[in-house]
C-alpha cells in the first residue's frame, strides 16, 4: 500500500536517488531536476510529493497551480523508480495524487503533458481517466496534452 508524503530536509536525499530506465530519461527530468523545478515554480504553489511504500520512497511527483486558461492543477512530473515499475505502483500513486487534489479542489481538473512516444505513461494516465484535449503546445509539439476532470460535486 502506498502513501504520499512531504519531501523535506530529512528525506530529500532519498528522493534524489530515484531514477528511471535509460530509455525513459528523455520523458521526464531527473529526481534532482524535479526538486529544482519545485523551487523555480514556488510562486505557482509548486509542491513535490514523495510516493512511499511503507517508509521507503519509491517515486516522486511535482504539481503546481496553472492559473491561465484552463485553470487547473499542472502535474509537471511523475516518476516511479525503475526498481518499482511494472508493479502497479504508478497507477496506485496517480490515484492517490488525484484524490488529494480533488479533496483540496482549488481547480476542477488536472493537466499533464506526455511525450507521444511514452506509451507506458499514456496508458497509466488514460486508465486513470485522463483524456486527450487535442491541444498542441508549439513549445512541445511531440507531446499529448491530457486532462482529468474531477467528478461534479454532489449537492447537499
C-alpha atoms as a PDB file:
ATOM      1  CA  UNK A   1       0.000   0.000   0.000  1.00  0.00           C
ATOM      2  CA  UNK A   2       1.346   3.403  -0.996  1.00  0.00           C
ATOM      3  CA  UNK A   3       1.091   6.797   0.626  1.00  0.00           C
ATOM      4  CA  UNK A   4       2.044  10.344  -0.285  1.00  0.00           C
ATOM      5  CA  UNK A   5       4.473  12.196   1.921  1.00  0.00           C
ATOM      6  CA  UNK A   6       6.034  15.628   2.042  1.00  0.00           C
ATOM      7  CA  UNK A   7       9.547  15.921   0.709  1.00  0.00           C
ATOM      8  CA  UNK A   8      11.596  17.804   3.267  1.00  0.00           C
ATOM      9  CA  UNK A   9      15.101  18.300   4.648  1.00  0.00           C
ATOM     10  CA  UNK A  10      15.001  14.839   6.223  1.00  0.00           C
ATOM     11  CA  UNK A  11      14.204  12.806   3.103  1.00  0.00           C
ATOM     12  CA  UNK A  12      15.156  14.822   0.017  1.00  0.00           C
ATOM     13  CA  UNK A  13      18.445  12.966  -0.348  1.00  0.00           C
ATOM     14  CA  UNK A  14      16.493   9.712  -0.632  1.00  0.00           C
ATOM     15  CA  UNK A  15      14.273  11.308  -3.298  1.00  0.00           C
ATOM     16  CA  UNK A  16      17.379  12.490  -5.162  1.00  0.00           C
ATOM     17  CA  UNK A  17      18.469   8.846  -5.629  1.00  0.00           C
ATOM     18  CA  UNK A  18      15.339   7.903  -7.607  1.00  0.00           C
ATOM     19  CA  UNK A  19      15.852   7.162 -11.281  1.00  0.00           C
ATOM     20  CA  UNK A  20      14.138   5.678 -14.307  1.00  0.00           C
ATOM     21  CA  UNK A  21      15.239   3.253 -17.004  1.00  0.00           C
ATOM     22  CA  UNK A  22      17.726   4.628 -19.534  1.00  0.00           C
ATOM     23  CA  UNK A  23      15.129   4.732 -22.345  1.00  0.00           C
ATOM     24  CA  UNK A  24      12.834   6.856 -20.111  1.00  0.00           C
ATOM     25  CA  UNK A  25      15.308   9.652 -19.372  1.00  0.00           C
ATOM     26  CA  UNK A  26      14.030  11.731 -22.294  1.00  0.00           C
ATOM     27  CA  UNK A  27      10.479  11.652 -20.947  1.00  0.00           C
ATOM     28  CA  UNK A  28      11.000  13.469 -17.657  1.00  0.00           C
ATOM     29  CA  UNK A  29      13.515  15.266 -15.519  1.00  0.00           C
ATOM     30  CA  UNK A  30      15.859  13.612 -13.030  1.00  0.00           C
ATOM     31  CA  UNK A  31      14.708  13.452  -9.417  1.00  0.00           C
ATOM     32  CA  UNK A  32      17.081  16.300  -8.580  1.00  0.00           C
ATOM     33  CA  UNK A  33      15.690  18.264 -11.532  1.00  0.00           C
ATOM     34  CA  UNK A  34      12.168  17.731 -10.196  1.00  0.00           C
ATOM     35  CA  UNK A  35      13.220  19.162  -6.831  1.00  0.00           C
ATOM     36  CA  UNK A  36      14.810  22.146  -8.599  1.00  0.00           C
ATOM     37  CA  UNK A  37      11.658  22.750 -10.657  1.00  0.00           C
ATOM     38  CA  UNK A  38       9.620  22.935  -7.460  1.00  0.00           C
ATOM     39  CA  UNK A  39      11.880  25.721  -6.260  1.00  0.00           C
ATOM     40  CA  UNK A  40      11.679  27.583  -9.568  1.00  0.00           C
ATOM     41  CA  UNK A  41       7.872  27.297  -9.669  1.00  0.00           C
ATOM     42  CA  UNK A  42       7.375  28.124  -5.982  1.00  0.00           C
ATOM     43  CA  UNK A  43       5.314  31.229  -6.865  1.00  0.00           C
ATOM     44  CA  UNK A  44       2.869  28.853  -8.618  1.00  0.00           C
ATOM     45  CA  UNK A  45       2.471  26.874  -5.370  1.00  0.00           C
ATOM     46  CA  UNK A  46       4.614  24.039  -6.719  1.00  0.00           C
ATOM     47  CA  UNK A  47       4.882  21.083  -4.388  1.00  0.00           C
ATOM     48  CA  UNK A  48       6.795  17.864  -4.522  1.00  0.00           C
ATOM     49  CA  UNK A  49       5.040  14.746  -3.310  1.00  0.00           C
ATOM     50  CA  UNK A  50       7.073  11.754  -2.269  1.00  0.00           C
ATOM     51  CA  UNK A  51       5.492   8.400  -3.060  1.00  0.00           C
ATOM     52  CA  UNK A  52       6.264   5.862  -0.356  1.00  0.00           C
ATOM     53  CA  UNK A  53       5.754   2.148   0.083  1.00  0.00           C
ATOM     54  CA  UNK A  54       5.711   1.756   3.839  1.00  0.00           C
ATOM     55  CA  UNK A  55       8.561   4.157   4.727  1.00  0.00           C
ATOM     56  CA  UNK A  56      10.647   3.714   1.552  1.00  0.00           C
ATOM     57  CA  UNK A  57      10.316   6.456  -1.058  1.00  0.00           C
ATOM     58  CA  UNK A  58       9.755   4.811  -4.444  1.00  0.00           C
ATOM     59  CA  UNK A  59       8.613   7.765  -6.509  1.00  0.00           C
ATOM     60  CA  UNK A  60       8.072  11.482  -6.739  1.00  0.00           C
ATOM     61  CA  UNK A  61       5.619  13.881  -8.356  1.00  0.00           C
ATOM     62  CA  UNK A  62       5.556  17.635  -8.911  1.00  0.00           C
ATOM     63  CA  UNK A  63       2.256  19.513  -9.045  1.00  0.00           C
ATOM     64  CA  UNK A  64       1.832  23.247  -9.499  1.00  0.00           C
ATOM     65  CA  UNK A  65      -1.031  25.647  -9.988  1.00  0.00           C
ATOM     66  CA  UNK A  66      -1.816  26.791 -13.503  1.00  0.00           C
ATOM     67  CA  UNK A  67      -3.968  29.898 -13.299  1.00  0.00           C
ATOM     68  CA  UNK A  68      -4.132  30.629 -17.020  1.00  0.00           C
ATOM     69  CA  UNK A  69      -6.968  29.116 -19.038  1.00  0.00           C
ATOM     70  CA  UNK A  70      -7.847  26.426 -18.470  1.00  0.00           C
ATOM     71  CA  UNK A  71      -7.085  26.993 -14.790  1.00  0.00           C
ATOM     72  CA  UNK A  72      -6.082  23.634 -13.354  1.00  0.00           C
ATOM     73  CA  UNK A  73      -3.500  21.650 -11.451  1.00  0.00           C
ATOM     74  CA  UNK A  74      -0.470  21.018 -13.643  1.00  0.00           C
ATOM     75  CA  UNK A  75       1.080  17.610 -12.998  1.00  0.00           C
ATOM     76  CA  UNK A  76       4.541  18.584 -14.220  1.00  0.00           C
ATOM     77  CA  UNK A  77       6.470  15.449 -13.350  1.00  0.00           C
ATOM     78  CA  UNK A  78       5.555  11.958 -12.129  1.00  0.00           C
ATOM     79  CA  UNK A  79       8.160   9.261 -11.612  1.00  0.00           C
ATOM     80  CA  UNK A  80       8.265   5.778 -10.149  1.00  0.00           C
ATOM     81  CA  UNK A  81      11.806   4.499  -9.541  1.00  0.00           C
ATOM     82  CA  UNK A  82      12.973   1.923 -12.090  1.00  0.00           C
ATOM     83  CA  UNK A  83      13.098  -0.812  -9.392  1.00  0.00           C
ATOM     84  CA  UNK A  84       9.355  -0.474  -8.761  1.00  0.00           C
ATOM     85  CA  UNK A  85       7.961  -0.056 -12.258  1.00  0.00           C
ATOM     86  CA  UNK A  86       5.555  -2.534 -13.856  1.00  0.00           C
ATOM     87  CA  UNK A  87       4.103  -3.479 -10.458  1.00  0.00           C
ATOM     88  CA  UNK A  88       1.007  -1.241 -10.469  1.00  0.00           C
ATOM     89  CA  UNK A  89       2.576   1.436  -8.265  1.00  0.00           C
ATOM     90  CA  UNK A  90       2.243   4.164 -10.904  1.00  0.00           C
ATOM     91  CA  UNK A  91      -1.483   3.600 -11.220  1.00  0.00           C
ATOM     92  CA  UNK A  92      -1.934   3.456  -7.444  1.00  0.00           C
ATOM     93  CA  UNK A  93       0.205   6.560  -6.836  1.00  0.00           C
ATOM     94  CA  UNK A  94      -1.604   8.545  -9.531  1.00  0.00           C
ATOM     95  CA  UNK A  95      -4.899   7.657  -7.847  1.00  0.00           C
ATOM     96  CA  UNK A  96      -3.565   8.991  -4.527  1.00  0.00           C
ATOM     97  CA  UNK A  97      -2.394  12.217  -6.151  1.00  0.00           C
ATOM     98  CA  UNK A  98      -5.757  12.756  -7.853  1.00  0.00           C
ATOM     99  CA  UNK A  99      -7.618  12.026  -4.600  1.00  0.00           C
ATOM    100  CA  UNK A 100      -5.518  14.563  -2.691  1.00  0.00           C
ATOM    101  CA  UNK A 101      -6.013  17.244  -5.340  1.00  0.00           C
ATOM    102  CA  UNK A 102      -9.736  16.517  -5.533  1.00  0.00           C
ATOM    103  CA  UNK A 103     -10.059  16.923  -1.777  1.00  0.00           C
ATOM    104  CA  UNK A 104      -8.269  20.280  -1.940  1.00  0.00           C
ATOM    105  CA  UNK A 105     -10.304  21.205  -5.047  1.00  0.00           C
ATOM    106  CA  UNK A 106      -8.799  24.582  -5.876  1.00  0.00           C
ATOM    107  CA  UNK A 107      -9.438  23.621  -9.509  1.00  0.00           C
ATOM    108  CA  UNK A 108     -11.800  21.195 -11.218  1.00  0.00           C
ATOM    109  CA  UNK A 109      -9.163  19.477 -13.330  1.00  0.00           C
ATOM    110  CA  UNK A 110      -5.582  18.243 -13.649  1.00  0.00           C
ATOM    111  CA  UNK A 111      -3.488  18.658 -16.773  1.00  0.00           C
ATOM    112  CA  UNK A 112      -0.414  16.708 -17.862  1.00  0.00           C
ATOM    113  CA  UNK A 113       1.758  16.860 -20.970  1.00  0.00           C
ATOM    114  CA  UNK A 114       3.108  13.456 -22.041  1.00  0.00           C
ATOM    115  CA  UNK A 115       5.525  12.637 -24.858  1.00  0.00           C
ATOM    116  CA  UNK A 116       3.651  10.766 -27.592  1.00  0.00           C
ATOM    117  CA  UNK A 117       6.292   8.038 -27.554  1.00  0.00           C
ATOM    118  CA  UNK A 118       5.910   7.381 -23.812  1.00  0.00           C
ATOM    119  CA  UNK A 119       3.262   4.706 -24.323  1.00  0.00           C
ATOM    120  CA  UNK A 120       3.559   3.280 -20.793  1.00  0.00           C
ATOM    121  CA  UNK A 121       2.806   6.665 -19.208  1.00  0.00           C
ATOM    122  CA  UNK A 122      -0.029   7.334 -21.645  1.00  0.00           C
ATOM    123  CA  UNK A 123      -1.637   4.018 -20.633  1.00  0.00           C
ATOM    124  CA  UNK A 124      -1.392   4.887 -16.916  1.00  0.00           C
ATOM    125  CA  UNK A 125      -2.956   8.318 -17.433  1.00  0.00           C
ATOM    126  CA  UNK A 126      -5.714   7.029 -19.699  1.00  0.00           C
ATOM    127  CA  UNK A 127      -6.503   4.218 -17.248  1.00  0.00           C
ATOM    128  CA  UNK A 128      -6.907   6.879 -14.524  1.00  0.00           C
ATOM    129  CA  UNK A 129      -9.425   8.791 -16.652  1.00  0.00           C
ATOM    130  CA  UNK A 130      -7.273  11.406 -18.387  1.00  0.00           C
ATOM    131  CA  UNK A 131      -8.435  12.298 -21.908  1.00  0.00           C
ATOM    132  CA  UNK A 132      -6.560  13.925 -24.786  1.00  0.00           C
ATOM    133  CA  UNK A 133      -7.561  17.585 -25.119  1.00  0.00           C
ATOM    134  CA  UNK A 134      -6.330  17.847 -28.695  1.00  0.00           C
ATOM    135  CA  UNK A 135      -4.284  20.907 -27.770  1.00  0.00           C
ATOM    136  CA  UNK A 136      -0.765  21.001 -29.225  1.00  0.00           C
ATOM    137  CA  UNK A 137       1.715  23.254 -27.447  1.00  0.00           C
ATOM    138  CA  UNK A 138       4.023  24.832 -30.019  1.00  0.00           C
ATOM    139  CA  UNK A 139       6.866  24.516 -27.498  1.00  0.00           C
ATOM    140  CA  UNK A 140       6.206  20.765 -27.123  1.00  0.00           C
ATOM    141  CA  UNK A 141       4.719  19.520 -30.411  1.00  0.00           C
ATOM    142  CA  UNK A 142       5.775  15.927 -29.644  1.00  0.00           C
ATOM    143  CA  UNK A 143       3.549  15.804 -26.546  1.00  0.00           C
ATOM    144  CA  UNK A 144      -0.086  14.982 -25.928  1.00  0.00           C
ATOM    145  CA  UNK A 145      -1.957  17.268 -23.569  1.00  0.00           C
ATOM    146  CA  UNK A 146      -4.180  15.189 -21.285  1.00  0.00           C
ATOM    147  CA  UNK A 147      -6.850  16.411 -18.856  1.00  0.00           C
ATOM    148  CA  UNK A 148      -8.507  14.758 -15.892  1.00  0.00           C
ATOM    149  CA  UNK A 149     -11.753  16.328 -14.664  1.00  0.00           C
ATOM    150  CA  UNK A 150     -12.942  15.746 -11.138  1.00  0.00           C
ATOM    151  CA  UNK A 151     -16.499  14.451 -10.870  1.00  0.00           C
ATOM    152  CA  UNK A 152     -19.116  17.109 -10.202  1.00  0.00           C
ATOM    153  CA  UNK A 153     -19.748  17.663  -6.531  1.00  0.00           C
ATOM    154  CA  UNK A 154     -22.962  16.240  -5.184  1.00  0.00           C
ATOM    155  CA  UNK A 155     -25.460  18.821  -3.980  1.00  0.00           C
ATOM    156  CA  UNK A 156     -26.076  18.542  -0.228  1.00  0.00           C
END
